[in-house]
Amino acid sequence: MTIQQGSRTASQLWQEYAFLTREMAKILLKQDLELFLELVDQRERIQVTITALPEDDFKTTAAGQNLIATISSQNKTIVDALQRLYNNSKHRSQVARAYDSLGTGYTGVRMDRES
């Protein structure tokens, strides 16, 4: 799903940016990180296009302010979800390392009744 940025207005670009932000939040809940990163790349390309616009009067309109507030809220949700994924991953890694260290001290030790 690639979005073309031909001659879109600022409003259209911001709407696409908001759409991708919503989709990123949905995909993150499904923990499909590959698709999530693809959406991040697409959103970044739109952001570059928005930044390069000669005029972005949409941001100063009421609709623009509402959309930006919604995007900001969704960004916070995404950051929270990423933090949870990171913490869960870190915890699983720590548990795995804890169990790995239990077995390493006895690896290769033979129990021999004759010794």
C-alpha atoms as a PDB file:
ATOM      1  CA  MET A   1       0.000   0.000   0.000  1.00  0.00           C
ATOM      2  CA  THR A   2       2.030   2.926  -1.292  1.00  0.00           C
ATOM      3  CA  ILE A   3       0.599   6.436  -1.281  1.00  0.00           C
ATOM      4  CA  GLN A   4       1.492   8.761  -4.136  1.00  0.00           C
ATOM      5  CA  GLN A   5       2.128  12.411  -3.234  1.00  0.00           C
ATOM      6  CA  GLY A   6       1.634  14.047  -6.645  1.00  0.00           C
ATOM      7  CA  SER A   7      -0.186  17.353  -6.381  1.00  0.00           C
ATOM      8  CA  ARG A   8      -2.115  16.871  -3.167  1.00  0.00           C
ATOM      9  CA  THR A   9      -3.289  19.729  -1.026  1.00  0.00           C
ATOM     10  CA  ALA A  10      -2.102  20.203   2.545  1.00  0.00           C
ATOM     11  CA  SER A  11      -5.505  19.033   3.758  1.00  0.00           C
ATOM     12  CA  GLN A  12      -5.274  15.815   1.739  1.00  0.00           C
ATOM     13  CA  LEU A  13      -1.742  15.143   2.953  1.00  0.00           C
ATOM     14  CA  TRP A  14      -2.754  15.691   6.586  1.00  0.00           C
ATOM     15  CA  GLN A  15      -5.748  13.367   6.112  1.00  0.00           C
ATOM     16  CA  GLU A  16      -3.441  10.676   4.710  1.00  0.00           C
ATOM     17  CA  TYR A  17      -1.017  11.253   7.578  1.00  0.00           C
ATOM     18  CA  ALA A  18      -3.875  10.814  10.064  1.00  0.00           C
ATOM     19  CA  PHE A  19      -5.058   7.680   8.256  1.00  0.00           C
ATOM     20  CA  LEU A  20      -1.592   6.121   8.403  1.00  0.00           C
ATOM     21  CA  THR A  21      -1.320   7.025  12.086  1.00  0.00           C
ATOM     22  CA  ARG A  22      -4.628   5.242  12.818  1.00  0.00           C
ATOM     23  CA  GLU A  23      -3.511   2.217  10.822  1.00  0.00           C
ATOM     24  CA  MET A  24      -0.168   2.140  12.649  1.00  0.00           C
ATOM     25  CA  ALA A  25      -2.008   1.935  15.977  1.00  0.00           C
ATOM     26  CA  LYS A  26      -4.213  -0.924  14.712  1.00  0.00           C
ATOM     27  CA  ILE A  27      -1.294  -2.868  13.252  1.00  0.00           C
ATOM     28  CA  LEU A  28       0.747  -2.413  16.406  1.00  0.00           C
ATOM     29  CA  LEU A  29      -2.029  -4.036  18.447  1.00  0.00           C
ATOM     30  CA  LYS A  30      -1.746  -7.051  16.129  1.00  0.00           C
ATOM     31  CA  GLN A  31       2.022  -6.956  16.711  1.00  0.00           C
ATOM     32  CA  ASP A  32       2.802  -7.055  12.975  1.00  0.00           C
ATOM     33  CA  LEU A  33       6.033  -5.092  13.238  1.00  0.00           C
ATOM     34  CA  GLU A  34       6.986  -5.520   9.586  1.00  0.00           C
ATOM     35  CA  LEU A  35       3.809  -3.843   8.368  1.00  0.00           C
ATOM     36  CA  PHE A  36       4.070  -1.282  11.167  1.00  0.00           C
ATOM     37  CA  LEU A  37       7.535  -0.242   9.969  1.00  0.00           C
ATOM     38  CA  GLU A  38       6.290  -0.018   6.378  1.00  0.00           C
ATOM     39  CA  LEU A  39       3.533   2.354   7.525  1.00  0.00           C
ATOM     40  CA  VAL A  40       6.101   4.390   9.475  1.00  0.00           C
ATOM     41  CA  ASP A  41       8.120   4.792   6.262  1.00  0.00           C
ATOM     42  CA  GLN A  42       5.041   5.864   4.307  1.00  0.00           C
ATOM     43  CA  ARG A  43       4.048   8.332   7.008  1.00  0.00           C
ATOM     44  CA  GLU A  44       7.571   9.754   7.054  1.00  0.00           C
ATOM     45  CA  ARG A  45       7.436  10.341   3.297  1.00  0.00           C
ATOM     46  CA  ILE A  46       4.156  12.224   3.710  1.00  0.00           C
ATOM     47  CA  GLN A  47       5.680  14.250   6.543  1.00  0.00           C
ATOM     48  CA  VAL A  48       8.582  15.258   4.291  1.00  0.00           C
ATOM     49  CA  THR A  49       6.083  16.294   1.606  1.00  0.00           C
ATOM     50  CA  ILE A  50       4.053  18.325   4.129  1.00  0.00           C
ATOM     51  CA  THR A  51       7.213  20.029   5.375  1.00  0.00           C
ATOM     52  CA  ALA A  52       8.201  20.904   1.794  1.00  0.00           C
ATOM     53  CA  LEU A  53       4.876  22.590   1.040  1.00  0.00           C
ATOM     54  CA  PRO A  54       5.250  26.319   0.326  1.00  0.00           C
ATOM     55  CA  GLU A  55       2.154  27.025   2.431  1.00  0.00           C
ATOM     56  CA  ASP A  56       0.345  24.887   4.965  1.00  0.00           C
ATOM     57  CA  ASP A  57      -2.678  26.964   5.921  1.00  0.00           C
ATOM     58  CA  PHE A  58      -4.561  23.802   6.888  1.00  0.00           C
ATOM     59  CA  LYS A  59      -2.775  23.652  10.263  1.00  0.00           C
ATOM     60  CA  THR A  60      -4.256  26.989  11.291  1.00  0.00           C
ATOM     61  CA  THR A  61      -7.869  26.051  10.491  1.00  0.00           C
ATOM     62  CA  ALA A  62     -10.204  24.569  13.105  1.00  0.00           C
ATOM     63  CA  ALA A  63     -10.359  21.303  11.163  1.00  0.00           C
ATOM     64  CA  GLY A  64      -6.567  21.235  10.956  1.00  0.00           C
ATOM     65  CA  GLN A  65      -6.183  21.875  14.680  1.00  0.00           C
ATOM     66  CA  ASN A  66      -8.664  19.079  15.471  1.00  0.00           C
ATOM     67  CA  LEU A  67      -6.906  16.665  13.145  1.00  0.00           C
ATOM     68  CA  ILE A  68      -3.486  17.486  14.600  1.00  0.00           C
ATOM     69  CA  ALA A  69      -4.848  17.003  18.131  1.00  0.00           C
ATOM     70  CA  THR A  70      -6.214  13.600  17.090  1.00  0.00           C
ATOM     71  CA  ILE A  71      -2.881  12.657  15.517  1.00  0.00           C
ATOM     72  CA  SER A  72      -1.057  13.734  18.673  1.00  0.00           C
ATOM     73  CA  SER A  73      -3.340  11.595  20.820  1.00  0.00           C
ATOM     74  CA  GLN A  74      -2.848   8.599  18.534  1.00  0.00           C
ATOM     75  CA  ASN A  75       0.917   9.141  18.590  1.00  0.00           C
ATOM     76  CA  LYS A  76       0.822   8.910  22.395  1.00  0.00           C
ATOM     77  CA  THR A  77      -1.151   5.669  22.120  1.00  0.00           C
ATOM     78  CA  ILE A  78       1.432   4.302  19.680  1.00  0.00           C
ATOM     79  CA  VAL A  79       4.334   5.298  21.945  1.00  0.00           C
ATOM     80  CA  ASP A  80       2.635   3.609  24.904  1.00  0.00           C
ATOM     81  CA  ALA A  81       2.051   0.431  22.889  1.00  0.00           C
ATOM     82  CA  LEU A  82       5.675   0.407  21.703  1.00  0.00           C
ATOM     83  CA  GLN A  83       6.847   0.860  25.293  1.00  0.00           C
ATOM     84  CA  ARG A  84       4.694  -2.113  26.385  1.00  0.00           C
ATOM     85  CA  LEU A  85       6.099  -4.253  23.564  1.00  0.00           C
ATOM     86  CA  TYR A  86       9.627  -3.255  24.538  1.00  0.00           C
ATOM     87  CA  ASN A  87       9.024  -4.009  28.228  1.00  0.00           C
ATOM     88  CA  ASN A  88       7.435  -7.387  27.428  1.00  0.00           C
ATOM     89  CA  SER A  89      10.297  -8.287  25.134  1.00  0.00           C
ATOM     90  CA  LYS A  90      12.857  -7.190  27.710  1.00  0.00           C
ATOM     91  CA  HIS A  91      11.101  -9.229  30.412  1.00  0.00           C
ATOM     92  CA  ARG A  92      10.982 -12.356  28.216  1.00  0.00           C
ATOM     93  CA  SER A  93      14.665 -11.923  27.429  1.00  0.00           C
ATOM     94  CA  GLN A  94      15.545 -11.573  31.115  1.00  0.00           C
ATOM     95  CA  VAL A  95      13.528 -14.687  32.004  1.00  0.00           C
ATOM     96  CA  ALA A  96      15.181 -16.655  29.206  1.00  0.00           C
ATOM     97  CA  ARG A  97      18.641 -15.548  30.379  1.00  0.00           C
ATOM     98  CA  ALA A  98      17.792 -16.467  33.966  1.00  0.00           C
ATOM     99  CA  TYR A  99      16.846 -19.992  32.951  1.00  0.00           C
ATOM    100  CA  ASP A 100      19.847 -20.271  30.637  1.00  0.00           C
ATOM    101  CA  SER A 101      22.214 -19.445  33.473  1.00  0.00           C
ATOM    102  CA  LEU A 102      20.752 -22.196  35.660  1.00  0.00           C
ATOM    103  CA  GLY A 103      21.832 -24.933  33.310  1.00  0.00           C
ATOM    104  CA  THR A 104      25.280 -23.688  32.304  1.00  0.00           C
ATOM    105  CA  GLY A 105      27.037 -24.560  35.553  1.00  0.00           C
ATOM    106  CA  TYR A 106      26.176 -28.225  35.240  1.00  0.00           C
ATOM    107  CA  THR A 107      26.576 -28.693  31.544  1.00  0.00           C
ATOM    108  CA  GLY A 108      28.917 -31.561  30.830  1.00  0.00           C
ATOM    109  CA  VAL A 109      29.106 -32.782  34.422  1.00  0.00           C
ATOM    110  CA  ARG A 110      28.743 -36.514  34.671  1.00  0.00           C
ATOM    111  CA  MET A 111      27.502 -38.299  37.674  1.00  0.00           C
ATOM    112  CA  ASP A 112      29.739 -41.296  38.172  1.00  0.00           C
ATOM    113  CA  ARG A 113      29.007 -43.612  41.095  1.00  0.00           C
ATOM    114  CA  GLU A 114      32.466 -45.084  41.052  1.00  0.00           C
ATOM    115  CA  SER A 115      34.280 -41.800  41.698  1.00  0.00           C
END
